[in-house]
């Protein structure tokens, strides 16, 4: 990850915490911010990306890419599959 790219890991905090973190990354000079989440936090990641794109940085940011996947977590014998998402927000060229 370069200085031009930020990363937000979505977890249990409120959506607005992640929105603020994303906006701050862009204001500090990041050209791309990757919002990552898994499991139940996926809906928060989608909400974060949409709020940033439509309310805070309107006409400045686009969704460049969305990657969905799944990964196996847990100890052997208690393993389960968890869905993951990566949403890449990219600053528009002016």
Protein backbone atom coordinates (compact mmCIF):
# COMPACT_ATOMS: atom_id res chain seq x y z
CA UNK A 1 0.00 0.00 0.00
CA UNK A 2 1.43 3.35 -1.04
CA UNK A 3 1.11 6.78 0.52
CA UNK A 4 -1.51 7.49 -2.14
CA UNK A 5 -3.77 4.72 -0.82
CA UNK A 6 -5.59 4.37 2.50
CA UNK A 7 -7.35 1.46 4.10
CA UNK A 8 -10.35 1.33 6.43
CA UNK A 9 -11.19 -1.88 8.28
CA UNK A 10 -14.87 -1.90 9.21
CA UNK A 11 -15.87 -3.56 12.48
CA UNK A 12 -18.28 -2.90 15.35
CA UNK A 13 -18.19 0.90 15.59
CA UNK A 14 -20.89 3.13 14.16
CA UNK A 15 -20.98 3.83 10.43
CA UNK A 16 -20.19 7.53 10.93
CA UNK A 17 -16.83 6.64 12.53
CA UNK A 18 -15.80 4.88 9.31
CA UNK A 19 -17.23 7.68 7.15
CA UNK A 20 -15.14 10.23 9.07
CA UNK A 21 -12.01 8.06 8.80
CA UNK A 22 -12.52 7.71 5.03
CA UNK A 23 -13.07 11.45 4.49
CA UNK A 24 -9.96 12.23 6.57
CA UNK A 25 -7.88 9.85 4.43
CA UNK A 26 -8.96 11.69 1.28
CA UNK A 27 -8.29 15.10 2.81
CA UNK A 28 -4.79 13.94 3.78
CA UNK A 29 -3.99 13.31 0.13
CA UNK A 30 -4.99 9.71 -0.53
CA UNK A 31 -6.07 9.07 -4.13
CA UNK A 32 -7.66 5.70 -3.26
CA UNK A 33 -9.22 4.35 -0.08
CA UNK A 34 -10.05 0.66 0.32
CA UNK A 35 -12.91 -0.12 2.69
CA UNK A 36 -12.68 -3.72 3.91
CA UNK A 37 -15.20 -5.73 5.93
CA UNK A 38 -16.31 -9.27 6.56
CA UNK A 39 -19.37 -11.00 7.92
CA UNK A 40 -22.01 -8.80 9.52
CA UNK A 41 -19.92 -5.66 8.97
CA UNK A 42 -20.37 -5.85 5.18
CA UNK A 43 -23.54 -3.74 5.32
CA UNK A 44 -21.66 -1.06 7.30
CA UNK A 45 -18.93 -1.00 4.65
CA UNK A 46 -21.50 -0.50 1.90
CA UNK A 47 -23.23 2.23 3.93
CA UNK A 48 -19.87 3.91 4.54
CA UNK A 49 -18.98 3.96 0.85
CA UNK A 50 -22.40 5.30 -0.15
CA UNK A 51 -22.48 8.03 2.51
CA UNK A 52 -18.98 9.21 1.56
CA UNK A 53 -19.83 9.16 -2.14
CA UNK A 54 -23.25 10.82 -1.97
CA UNK A 55 -23.10 13.21 1.01
CA UNK A 56 -19.57 14.17 1.99
CA UNK A 57 -17.48 14.03 -1.19
CA UNK A 58 -20.25 14.41 -3.77
CA UNK A 59 -18.86 14.58 -7.33
CA UNK A 60 -15.31 14.03 -6.03
CA UNK A 61 -15.18 10.26 -5.42
CA UNK A 62 -16.24 7.21 -7.45
CA UNK A 63 -16.42 3.53 -6.67
CA UNK A 64 -13.51 2.14 -8.67
CA UNK A 65 -13.85 -1.54 -7.79
CA UNK A 66 -15.76 -3.97 -5.57
CA UNK A 67 -14.34 -7.36 -4.69
CA UNK A 68 -16.31 -10.04 -2.90
CA UNK A 69 -14.82 -13.24 -1.54
CA UNK A 70 -15.01 -15.66 1.36
CA UNK A 71 -12.42 -16.94 3.78
CA UNK A 72 -12.26 -19.78 6.25
CA UNK A 73 -11.81 -18.72 9.88
CA UNK A 74 -11.61 -20.56 13.18
CA UNK A 75 -9.69 -23.38 14.73
CA UNK A 76 -9.45 -26.77 13.05
CA UNK A 77 -12.67 -28.63 13.70
CA UNK A 78 -14.58 -25.38 14.32
CA UNK A 79 -13.93 -23.74 10.98
CA UNK A 80 -16.53 -21.70 9.16
CA UNK A 81 -16.69 -19.64 6.00
CA UNK A 82 -17.12 -15.86 6.29
CA UNK A 83 -17.96 -13.53 3.41
CA UNK A 84 -15.67 -10.53 2.76
CA UNK A 85 -15.91 -7.35 0.70
CA UNK A 86 -13.44 -4.71 -0.47
CA UNK A 87 -14.81 -1.44 -1.84
CA UNK A 88 -12.27 0.80 -3.57
CA UNK A 89 -13.12 4.51 -3.59
CA UNK A 90 -11.05 6.61 -5.95
CA UNK A 91 -10.79 10.38 -6.22
CA UNK A 92 -11.92 11.71 -9.59
CA UNK A 93 -9.34 13.37 -11.79
CA UNK A 94 -9.96 17.08 -12.01
